[in-house]
């Protein structure tokens, strides 16, 4: 059977975490260029994540509707009107040539 984690091990982890956080706070409060750059980049990351979150709340359903085509049958709502290896213009040209030869 495994031995349960002893109190000493947990106290070392907590002490390490507290010392890391104390050092982080000291660095955060320092007027250093490195800290200023970190604050700017961290703020940019947080603002970007918030903007992505709100954009997804507003436009998420629209994106899902565009991704999953509406229709009957098939995994994504039906089959396309053109062959997968031809673009729409090539397929239209092929139909015109086919009608002229027939």
N, C-alpha and C. Protein backbone atom coordinates (compact mmCIF):
# COMPACT_ATOMS: atom_id res chain seq x y z
N UNK A 1 0.83 -1.19 0.00
CA UNK A 1 0.00 0.00 0.00
C UNK A 1 0.87 1.24 0.00
N UNK A 2 0.38 2.27 -0.66
CA UNK A 2 1.13 3.51 -0.67
C UNK A 2 0.98 4.23 0.66
N UNK A 3 2.05 4.87 1.06
CA UNK A 3 1.99 5.66 2.28
C UNK A 3 1.32 6.99 1.97
N UNK A 4 0.46 7.47 2.87
CA UNK A 4 -0.15 8.79 2.63
C UNK A 4 0.92 9.87 2.68
N UNK A 5 0.66 10.95 1.97
CA UNK A 5 1.62 12.05 1.96
C UNK A 5 1.78 12.58 3.38
N UNK A 6 3.00 12.73 3.78
CA UNK A 6 3.22 13.21 5.13
C UNK A 6 3.16 14.74 5.18
N UNK A 7 3.02 15.25 6.35
CA UNK A 7 2.86 16.69 6.56
C UNK A 7 4.10 17.47 6.13
N UNK A 8 5.26 16.88 6.29
CA UNK A 8 6.51 17.57 5.93
C UNK A 8 6.58 17.84 4.43
N UNK A 9 6.17 16.88 3.63
CA UNK A 9 6.18 17.04 2.18
C UNK A 9 5.23 18.16 1.76
N UNK A 10 4.03 18.16 2.31
CA UNK A 10 3.06 19.21 1.98
C UNK A 10 3.53 20.58 2.46
N UNK A 11 4.16 20.62 3.63
CA UNK A 11 4.63 21.91 4.13
C UNK A 11 5.76 22.45 3.26
N UNK A 12 6.61 21.57 2.72
CA UNK A 12 7.67 22.03 1.79
C UNK A 12 7.08 22.61 0.52
N UNK A 13 6.04 21.96 0.00
CA UNK A 13 5.39 22.47 -1.21
C UNK A 13 4.76 23.83 -0.94
N UNK A 14 4.08 23.97 0.18
CA UNK A 14 3.44 25.24 0.53
C UNK A 14 4.49 26.31 0.76
N UNK A 15 5.58 25.98 1.43
CA UNK A 15 6.65 26.96 1.65
C UNK A 15 7.28 27.41 0.34
N UNK A 16 7.47 26.47 -0.58
CA UNK A 16 8.03 26.83 -1.89
C UNK A 16 7.09 27.75 -2.65
N UNK A 17 5.82 27.45 -2.59
CA UNK A 17 4.84 28.27 -3.29
C UNK A 17 4.76 29.67 -2.68
N UNK A 18 4.77 29.75 -1.37
CA UNK A 18 4.71 31.05 -0.70
C UNK A 18 5.96 31.88 -1.00
N UNK A 19 7.13 31.24 -0.99
CA UNK A 19 8.35 31.99 -1.29
C UNK A 19 8.36 32.46 -2.75
N UNK A 20 7.86 31.62 -3.67
CA UNK A 20 7.77 32.04 -5.07
C UNK A 20 6.84 33.22 -5.23
N UNK A 21 5.68 33.15 -4.58
CA UNK A 21 4.73 34.25 -4.69
C UNK A 21 5.27 35.52 -4.06
N UNK A 22 5.98 35.40 -2.93
CA UNK A 22 6.57 36.59 -2.30
C UNK A 22 7.61 37.23 -3.21
N UNK A 23 8.44 36.41 -3.84
CA UNK A 23 9.44 36.94 -4.77
C UNK A 23 8.77 37.57 -5.98
N UNK A 24 7.69 36.94 -6.47
CA UNK A 24 6.96 37.49 -7.60
C UNK A 24 6.36 38.84 -7.26
N UNK A 25 5.78 38.97 -6.09
CA UNK A 25 5.20 40.25 -5.67
C UNK A 25 6.29 41.31 -5.52
N UNK A 26 7.43 40.95 -4.96
CA UNK A 26 8.54 41.91 -4.85
C UNK A 26 8.99 42.39 -6.22
N UNK A 27 9.11 41.45 -7.17
CA UNK A 27 9.49 41.85 -8.53
C UNK A 27 8.40 42.69 -9.18
N UNK A 28 7.13 42.35 -8.92
CA UNK A 28 6.02 43.07 -9.52
C UNK A 28 6.00 44.53 -9.05
N UNK A 29 6.35 44.74 -7.80
CA UNK A 29 6.33 46.10 -7.25
C UNK A 29 7.59 46.90 -7.57
N UNK A 30 8.61 46.24 -8.09
CA UNK A 30 9.86 46.93 -8.42
C UNK A 30 9.68 47.77 -9.68
N UNK A 31 10.41 48.87 -9.75
CA UNK A 31 10.38 49.73 -10.94
C UNK A 31 11.53 49.32 -11.85
N UNK A 32 11.34 48.21 -12.54
CA UNK A 32 12.36 47.66 -13.41
C UNK A 32 11.79 47.58 -14.83
N UNK A 33 12.64 47.76 -15.82
CA UNK A 33 12.18 47.70 -17.21
C UNK A 33 11.65 46.31 -17.55
N UNK A 34 12.29 45.29 -17.02
CA UNK A 34 11.87 43.91 -17.27
C UNK A 34 10.44 43.68 -16.75
N UNK A 35 10.15 44.23 -15.60
CA UNK A 35 8.82 44.10 -15.01
C UNK A 35 7.80 44.90 -15.81
N UNK A 36 8.19 46.07 -16.27
CA UNK A 36 7.28 46.90 -17.06
C UNK A 36 6.91 46.19 -18.36
N UNK A 37 7.87 45.58 -19.02
CA UNK A 37 7.59 44.85 -20.26
C UNK A 37 6.68 43.65 -19.97
N UNK A 38 6.95 42.96 -18.86
CA UNK A 38 6.11 41.84 -18.48
C UNK A 38 4.68 42.29 -18.23
N UNK A 39 4.51 43.41 -17.53
CA UNK A 39 3.17 43.92 -17.24
C UNK A 39 2.43 44.28 -18.53
N UNK A 40 3.13 44.89 -19.46
CA UNK A 40 2.50 45.26 -20.73
C UNK A 40 2.08 44.00 -21.49
N UNK A 41 2.97 43.03 -21.60
CA UNK A 41 2.64 41.81 -22.33
C UNK A 41 1.54 41.01 -21.64
N UNK A 42 1.59 40.96 -20.32
CA UNK A 42 0.56 40.26 -19.57
C UNK A 42 -0.80 40.93 -19.74
N UNK A 43 -0.82 42.25 -19.70
CA UNK A 43 -2.06 43.00 -19.92
C UNK A 43 -2.61 42.76 -21.32
N UNK A 44 -1.73 42.74 -22.32
CA UNK A 44 -2.14 42.47 -23.70
C UNK A 44 -2.74 41.06 -23.82
N UNK A 45 -2.14 40.09 -23.16
CA UNK A 45 -2.66 38.72 -23.19
C UNK A 45 -4.04 38.65 -22.56
N UNK A 46 -4.21 39.27 -21.40
CA UNK A 46 -5.50 39.23 -20.71
C UNK A 46 -6.57 39.94 -21.54
N UNK A 47 -6.26 41.12 -22.07
CA UNK A 47 -7.23 41.84 -22.89
C UNK A 47 -7.59 41.07 -24.16
N UNK A 48 -6.61 40.40 -24.76
CA UNK A 48 -6.89 39.60 -25.95
C UNK A 48 -7.81 38.42 -25.63
N UNK A 49 -7.56 37.76 -24.52
CA UNK A 49 -8.41 36.64 -24.13
C UNK A 49 -9.83 37.10 -23.82
N UNK A 50 -9.97 38.26 -23.18
CA UNK A 50 -11.30 38.80 -22.90
C UNK A 50 -12.01 39.17 -24.20
N UNK A 51 -11.28 39.79 -25.13
CA UNK A 51 -11.87 40.16 -26.42
C UNK A 51 -12.30 38.92 -27.20
N UNK A 52 -11.48 37.86 -27.20
CA UNK A 52 -11.85 36.62 -27.88
C UNK A 52 -13.08 36.01 -27.24
N UNK A 53 -13.15 36.05 -25.93
CA UNK A 53 -14.30 35.49 -25.22
C UNK A 53 -15.59 36.22 -25.62
N UNK A 54 -15.57 37.54 -25.60
CA UNK A 54 -16.78 38.29 -25.95
C UNK A 54 -17.10 38.16 -27.44
N UNK A 55 -16.10 38.13 -28.29
CA UNK A 55 -16.36 37.94 -29.72
C UNK A 55 -16.99 36.57 -29.97
N UNK A 56 -16.54 35.56 -29.26
CA UNK A 56 -17.13 34.23 -29.44
C UNK A 56 -18.56 34.20 -28.94
N UNK A 57 -18.85 34.94 -27.84
CA UNK A 57 -20.22 35.00 -27.35
C UNK A 57 -21.13 35.67 -28.38
N UNK A 58 -20.62 36.70 -29.07
CA UNK A 58 -21.44 37.44 -30.03
C UNK A 58 -21.54 36.68 -31.35
N UNK A 59 -20.40 36.21 -31.89
CA UNK A 59 -20.37 35.64 -33.23
C UNK A 59 -20.22 34.12 -33.26
N UNK A 60 -20.21 33.46 -32.12
CA UNK A 60 -19.97 32.01 -32.09
C UNK A 60 -21.01 31.22 -32.84
N UNK A 61 -22.29 31.57 -32.68
CA UNK A 61 -23.33 30.84 -33.39
C UNK A 61 -23.23 31.04 -34.90
N UNK A 62 -22.88 32.23 -35.32
CA UNK A 62 -22.71 32.50 -36.75
C UNK A 62 -21.57 31.67 -37.32
N UNK A 63 -20.47 31.59 -36.60
CA UNK A 63 -19.33 30.80 -37.06
C UNK A 63 -19.72 29.32 -37.14
N UNK A 64 -20.43 28.83 -36.15
CA UNK A 64 -20.86 27.43 -36.19
C UNK A 64 -21.80 27.18 -37.35
N UNK A 65 -22.71 28.10 -37.62
CA UNK A 65 -23.63 27.93 -38.74
C UNK A 65 -22.89 27.95 -40.06
N UNK A 66 -21.85 28.75 -40.18
CA UNK A 66 -21.07 28.78 -41.42
C UNK A 66 -20.25 27.51 -41.57
N UNK A 67 -19.75 26.97 -40.48
CA UNK A 67 -18.91 25.78 -40.55
C UNK A 67 -19.73 24.54 -40.86
N UNK A 68 -20.84 24.37 -40.17
CA UNK A 68 -21.71 23.22 -40.40
C UNK A 68 -22.81 23.65 -41.35
N UNK A 69 -22.70 23.21 -42.61
CA UNK A 69 -23.69 23.58 -43.61
C UNK A 69 -25.03 22.96 -43.24
N UNK A 70 -26.09 23.68 -43.51
CA UNK A 70 -27.43 23.17 -43.26
C UNK A 70 -27.88 22.37 -44.47
N UNK A 71 -28.53 21.25 -44.24
CA UNK A 71 -29.01 20.43 -45.33
C UNK A 71 -29.44 19.07 -44.82
N UNK A 72 -29.74 18.19 -45.77
CA UNK A 72 -30.19 16.85 -45.40
C UNK A 72 -29.11 15.86 -45.77
N UNK A 73 -28.77 15.01 -44.84
CA UNK A 73 -27.83 13.93 -45.12
C UNK A 73 -26.39 14.37 -45.00
N UNK A 74 -25.54 13.43 -44.81
CA UNK A 74 -24.12 13.71 -44.71
C UNK A 74 -23.75 14.22 -43.33
N UNK A 75 -22.48 14.10 -43.03
CA UNK A 75 -22.02 14.51 -41.71
C UNK A 75 -22.14 16.01 -41.52
N UNK A 76 -21.81 16.78 -42.55
CA UNK A 76 -21.83 18.24 -42.43
C UNK A 76 -23.02 18.84 -43.16
N UNK A 77 -24.08 18.08 -43.34
CA UNK A 77 -25.29 18.65 -43.92
C UNK A 77 -25.37 18.53 -45.42
N UNK A 78 -25.01 17.44 -46.00
CA UNK A 78 -25.18 17.26 -47.43
C UNK A 78 -23.88 17.25 -48.19
N UNK A 79 -23.97 16.97 -49.46
CA UNK A 79 -22.79 16.92 -50.31
C UNK A 79 -22.69 18.21 -51.10
N UNK A 80 -21.50 18.60 -51.50
CA UNK A 80 -21.36 19.83 -52.29
C UNK A 80 -21.91 19.63 -53.70
N UNK A 81 -22.26 20.76 -54.36
CA UNK A 81 -22.81 20.70 -55.71
C UNK A 81 -21.75 20.39 -56.75
N UNK A 82 -20.49 20.66 -56.46
CA UNK A 82 -19.42 20.43 -57.42
C UNK A 82 -18.55 19.28 -56.96
N UNK A 83 -17.77 18.77 -57.89
CA UNK A 83 -16.83 17.71 -57.54
C UNK A 83 -15.76 18.29 -56.62
N UNK A 84 -15.27 17.52 -55.68
CA UNK A 84 -14.31 18.08 -54.73
C UNK A 84 -12.99 18.48 -55.36
N UNK A 85 -12.62 17.88 -56.49
CA UNK A 85 -11.33 18.21 -57.09
C UNK A 85 -11.45 19.34 -58.11
N UNK A 86 -12.66 19.84 -58.40
CA UNK A 86 -12.85 20.92 -59.36
C UNK A 86 -13.41 22.15 -58.65
N UNK A 87 -12.96 23.32 -59.08
CA UNK A 87 -13.56 24.53 -58.54
C UNK A 87 -14.89 24.77 -59.26
N UNK A 88 -15.65 25.73 -58.79
CA UNK A 88 -16.95 26.02 -59.39
C UNK A 88 -16.83 26.43 -60.84
N UNK A 89 -15.81 27.23 -61.20
CA UNK A 89 -15.63 27.68 -62.58
C UNK A 89 -15.27 26.52 -63.49
N UNK A 90 -14.37 25.64 -63.02
CA UNK A 90 -13.99 24.49 -63.84
C UNK A 90 -15.16 23.56 -64.06
N UNK A 91 -15.98 23.39 -63.05
CA UNK A 91 -17.13 22.51 -63.17
C UNK A 91 -18.15 23.11 -64.15
N UNK A 92 -18.36 24.43 -64.11
CA UNK A 92 -19.28 25.09 -65.04
C UNK A 92 -18.76 24.97 -66.47
N UNK A 93 -17.45 25.14 -66.68
CA UNK A 93 -16.88 25.00 -68.02
C UNK A 93 -17.05 23.57 -68.52
N UNK A 94 -16.89 22.61 -67.65
CA UNK A 94 -17.05 21.21 -68.03
C UNK A 94 -18.50 20.93 -68.45
N UNK A 95 -19.47 21.54 -67.74
CA UNK A 95 -20.88 21.34 -68.09
C UNK A 95 -21.17 21.95 -69.46
N UNK A 96 -20.58 23.12 -69.76
CA UNK A 96 -20.80 23.76 -71.06
C UNK A 96 -20.22 22.90 -72.16
N UNK A 97 -18.99 22.40 -71.98
CA UNK A 97 -18.37 21.54 -72.97
C UNK A 97 -19.15 20.25 -73.15
N UNK A 98 -19.64 19.70 -72.09
CA UNK A 98 -20.39 18.47 -72.16
C UNK A 98 -21.68 18.67 -72.96
N UNK A 99 -22.37 19.81 -72.75
CA UNK A 99 -23.61 20.06 -73.47
C UNK A 99 -23.35 20.32 -74.94
N UNK A 100 -22.19 20.87 -75.32
CA UNK A 100 -21.88 21.12 -76.72
C UNK A 100 -21.54 19.82 -77.44
N UNK A 101 -20.93 18.89 -76.75
CA UNK A 101 -20.56 17.63 -77.41
C UNK A 101 -21.73 16.68 -77.53
N UNK A 102 -22.73 16.81 -76.71
CA UNK A 102 -23.87 15.87 -76.74
C UNK A 102 -24.85 16.23 -77.74
